Amino acid sequence: MDSLFRSRPRQGWTVSMFKQRKFSAEFKAEAAREALSGELALAEPASKHDLHPTQIAGWKRQAKEGMVAAFSGKAATTQKDAAADIREFHAKIGQSAVEIFSNSHGIR
């Protein structure tokens, strides 16, 4: 399998059998931070991390959107909504478990 790749995946990367690279959140944040700093053109951090400039531009856009959400309070609202969804989902799982148990033991 090592023969499929020119070199080992870099730090922060994982590589599947189909050569699709997956990047950790820390790696994406570092690349986006470099692009947001404005000190370098998009091509420079892209070249440094062996990425296409479009990939860096996408992460840069996501980082900007995340910053806006953090300061506007939308991030907190989204987290509260997610927590409510999780509680609802857990309640449905519990209800389903009770129904399955009742049906399997002939309890009505």
C-alpha atoms as a PDB file:
ATOM      1  CA  MET A   1       0.000   0.000   0.000  1.00  0.00           C
ATOM      2  CA  ASP A   2       2.917   2.366   0.585  1.00  0.00           C
ATOM      3  CA  SER A   3       3.718   2.151  -3.104  1.00  0.00           C
ATOM      4  CA  LEU A   4       0.471   4.032  -3.884  1.00  0.00           C
ATOM      5  CA  PHE A   5       1.835   7.210  -2.348  1.00  0.00           C
ATOM      6  CA  ARG A   6       4.882   9.239  -3.209  1.00  0.00           C
ATOM      7  CA  SER A   7       5.568   9.921   0.448  1.00  0.00           C
ATOM      8  CA  ARG A   8       4.068   9.533   3.878  1.00  0.00           C
ATOM      9  CA  PRO A   9       1.043  11.708   4.602  1.00  0.00           C
ATOM     10  CA  ARG A  10       2.064  14.958   6.221  1.00  0.00           C
ATOM     11  CA  GLN A  11       1.201  15.799   9.784  1.00  0.00           C
ATOM     12  CA  GLY A  12      -2.549  16.385  10.133  1.00  0.00           C
ATOM     13  CA  TRP A  13      -3.389  14.250   7.090  1.00  0.00           C
ATOM     14  CA  THR A  14      -4.899  10.811   6.780  1.00  0.00           C
ATOM     15  CA  VAL A  15      -5.071   9.034   3.437  1.00  0.00           C
ATOM     16  CA  SER A  16      -7.629   6.434   2.445  1.00  0.00           C
ATOM     17  CA  MET A  17      -7.092   3.693  -0.125  1.00  0.00           C
ATOM     18  CA  PHE A  18      -8.480   5.977  -2.824  1.00  0.00           C
ATOM     19  CA  LYS A  19      -5.941   8.738  -2.187  1.00  0.00           C
ATOM     20  CA  GLN A  20      -8.591  11.030  -0.733  1.00  0.00           C
ATOM     21  CA  ARG A  21      -6.896  13.172   1.849  1.00  0.00           C
ATOM     22  CA  LYS A  22      -8.733  14.117   5.008  1.00  0.00           C
ATOM     23  CA  PHE A  23      -7.499  17.016   7.067  1.00  0.00           C
ATOM     24  CA  SER A  24      -7.812  17.578  10.803  1.00  0.00           C
ATOM     25  CA  ALA A  25      -9.608  20.659  12.055  1.00  0.00           C
ATOM     26  CA  GLU A  26      -6.315  21.940  13.471  1.00  0.00           C
ATOM     27  CA  PHE A  27      -4.621  21.622  10.077  1.00  0.00           C
ATOM     28  CA  LYS A  28      -7.481  23.456   8.324  1.00  0.00           C
ATOM     29  CA  ALA A  29      -7.462  26.197  10.963  1.00  0.00           C
ATOM     30  CA  GLU A  30      -3.705  26.711  10.602  1.00  0.00           C
ATOM     31  CA  ALA A  31      -3.919  26.929   6.808  1.00  0.00           C
ATOM     32  CA  ALA A  32      -6.905  29.321   7.006  1.00  0.00           C
ATOM     33  CA  ARG A  33      -5.120  31.442   9.617  1.00  0.00           C
ATOM     34  CA  GLU A  34      -2.121  31.810   7.327  1.00  0.00           C
ATOM     35  CA  ALA A  35      -4.402  32.837   4.465  1.00  0.00           C
ATOM     36  CA  LEU A  36      -6.335  35.298   6.647  1.00  0.00           C
ATOM     37  CA  SER A  37      -3.186  36.964   7.946  1.00  0.00           C
ATOM     38  CA  GLY A  38      -2.756  38.660   4.575  1.00  0.00           C
ATOM     39  CA  GLU A  39       1.027  38.370   4.759  1.00  0.00           C
ATOM     40  CA  LEU A  40       1.075  35.692   2.052  1.00  0.00           C
ATOM     41  CA  ALA A  41      -0.794  35.246  -1.219  1.00  0.00           C
ATOM     42  CA  LEU A  42      -3.124  32.208  -1.291  1.00  0.00           C
ATOM     43  CA  ALA A  43      -0.654  30.340  -3.475  1.00  0.00           C
ATOM     44  CA  GLU A  44       2.075  30.468  -0.828  1.00  0.00           C
ATOM     45  CA  PRO A  45       0.291  28.630   2.027  1.00  0.00           C
ATOM     46  CA  ALA A  46      -1.204  26.296  -0.584  1.00  0.00           C
ATOM     47  CA  SER A  47       2.248  25.429  -1.865  1.00  0.00           C
ATOM     48  CA  LYS A  48       3.621  25.113   1.665  1.00  0.00           C
ATOM     49  CA  HIS A  49       0.912  22.604   2.633  1.00  0.00           C
ATOM     50  CA  ASP A  50       0.770  20.875  -0.784  1.00  0.00           C
ATOM     51  CA  LEU A  51      -2.816  21.995  -1.423  1.00  0.00           C
ATOM     52  CA  HIS A  52      -4.691  23.721  -4.221  1.00  0.00           C
ATOM     53  CA  PRO A  53      -5.310  27.437  -3.598  1.00  0.00           C
ATOM     54  CA  THR A  54      -9.052  26.824  -4.013  1.00  0.00           C
ATOM     55  CA  GLN A  55      -8.972  24.505  -0.988  1.00  0.00           C
ATOM     56  CA  ILE A  56      -7.306  27.190   1.126  1.00  0.00           C
ATOM     57  CA  ALA A  57      -9.803  29.793  -0.153  1.00  0.00           C
ATOM     58  CA  GLY A  58     -12.707  27.576   0.939  1.00  0.00           C
ATOM     59  CA  TRP A  59     -11.279  27.115   4.414  1.00  0.00           C
ATOM     60  CA  LYS A  60     -10.600  30.849   4.609  1.00  0.00           C
ATOM     61  CA  ARG A  61     -14.257  31.564   3.728  1.00  0.00           C
ATOM     62  CA  GLN A  62     -15.467  29.050   6.349  1.00  0.00           C
ATOM     63  CA  ALA A  63     -13.219  30.646   8.963  1.00  0.00           C
ATOM     64  CA  LYS A  64     -14.616  34.108   8.183  1.00  0.00           C
ATOM     65  CA  GLU A  65     -18.194  32.813   8.429  1.00  0.00           C
ATOM     66  CA  GLY A  66     -17.363  31.137  11.730  1.00  0.00           C
ATOM     67  CA  MET A  67     -15.957  34.377  13.119  1.00  0.00           C
ATOM     68  CA  VAL A  68     -19.060  36.304  12.130  1.00  0.00           C
ATOM     69  CA  ALA A  69     -21.269  33.670  13.774  1.00  0.00           C
ATOM     70  CA  ALA A  70     -19.164  33.758  16.944  1.00  0.00           C
ATOM     71  CA  PHE A  71     -19.602  37.508  17.334  1.00  0.00           C
ATOM     72  CA  SER A  72     -23.250  37.631  16.317  1.00  0.00           C
ATOM     73  CA  GLY A  73     -24.380  34.983  18.810  1.00  0.00           C
ATOM     74  CA  LYS A  74     -25.478  32.579  16.072  1.00  0.00           C
ATOM     75  CA  ALA A  75     -22.920  30.003  17.201  1.00  0.00           C
ATOM     76  CA  ALA A  76     -24.440  29.824  20.687  1.00  0.00           C
ATOM     77  CA  THR A  77     -27.945  29.516  19.243  1.00  0.00           C
ATOM     78  CA  THR A  78     -26.794  26.737  16.920  1.00  0.00           C
ATOM     79  CA  GLN A  79     -25.217  24.885  19.840  1.00  0.00           C
ATOM     80  CA  LYS A  80     -28.423  25.221  21.892  1.00  0.00           C
ATOM     81  CA  ASP A  81     -30.490  23.934  18.958  1.00  0.00           C
ATOM     82  CA  ALA A  82     -28.096  21.003  18.525  1.00  0.00           C
ATOM     83  CA  ALA A  83     -28.353  20.160  22.229  1.00  0.00           C
ATOM     84  CA  ALA A  84     -32.159  20.201  22.015  1.00  0.00           C
ATOM     85  CA  ASP A  85     -32.040  17.960  18.937  1.00  0.00           C
ATOM     86  CA  ILE A  86     -29.786  15.509  20.761  1.00  0.00           C
ATOM     87  CA  ARG A  87     -32.127  15.381  23.785  1.00  0.00           C
ATOM     88  CA  GLU A  88     -35.087  14.753  21.466  1.00  0.00           C
ATOM     89  CA  PHE A  89     -33.168  12.043  19.638  1.00  0.00           C
ATOM     90  CA  HIS A  90     -32.217  10.343  22.923  1.00  0.00           C
ATOM     91  CA  ALA A  91     -35.860  10.413  24.009  1.00  0.00           C
ATOM     92  CA  LYS A  92     -36.890   8.741  20.739  1.00  0.00           C
ATOM     93  CA  ILE A  93     -34.208   6.084  21.205  1.00  0.00           C
ATOM     94  CA  GLY A  94     -35.451   5.400  24.727  1.00  0.00           C
ATOM     95  CA  GLN A  95     -39.051   5.136  23.537  1.00  0.00           C
ATOM     96  CA  SER A  96     -38.033   2.773  20.736  1.00  0.00           C
ATOM     97  CA  ALA A  97     -36.073   0.609  23.174  1.00  0.00           C
ATOM     98  CA  VAL A  98     -39.111   0.331  25.455  1.00  0.00           C
ATOM     99  CA  GLU A  99     -41.346  -0.585  22.510  1.00  0.00           C
ATOM    100  CA  ILE A 100     -38.909  -3.217  21.244  1.00  0.00           C
ATOM    101  CA  PHE A 101     -38.612  -4.735  24.712  1.00  0.00           C
ATOM    102  CA  SER A 102     -42.369  -4.730  25.193  1.00  0.00           C
ATOM    103  CA  ASN A 103     -43.026  -6.333  21.815  1.00  0.00           C
ATOM    104  CA  SER A 104     -40.342  -8.998  22.242  1.00  0.00           C
ATOM    105  CA  HIS A 105     -41.700 -10.007  25.678  1.00  0.00           C
ATOM    106  CA  GLY A 106     -45.369  -9.836  24.745  1.00  0.00           C
ATOM    107  CA  ILE A 107     -46.065  -6.936  27.100  1.00  0.00           C
ATOM    108  CA  ARG A 108     -48.835  -4.619  25.979  1.00  0.00           C
END
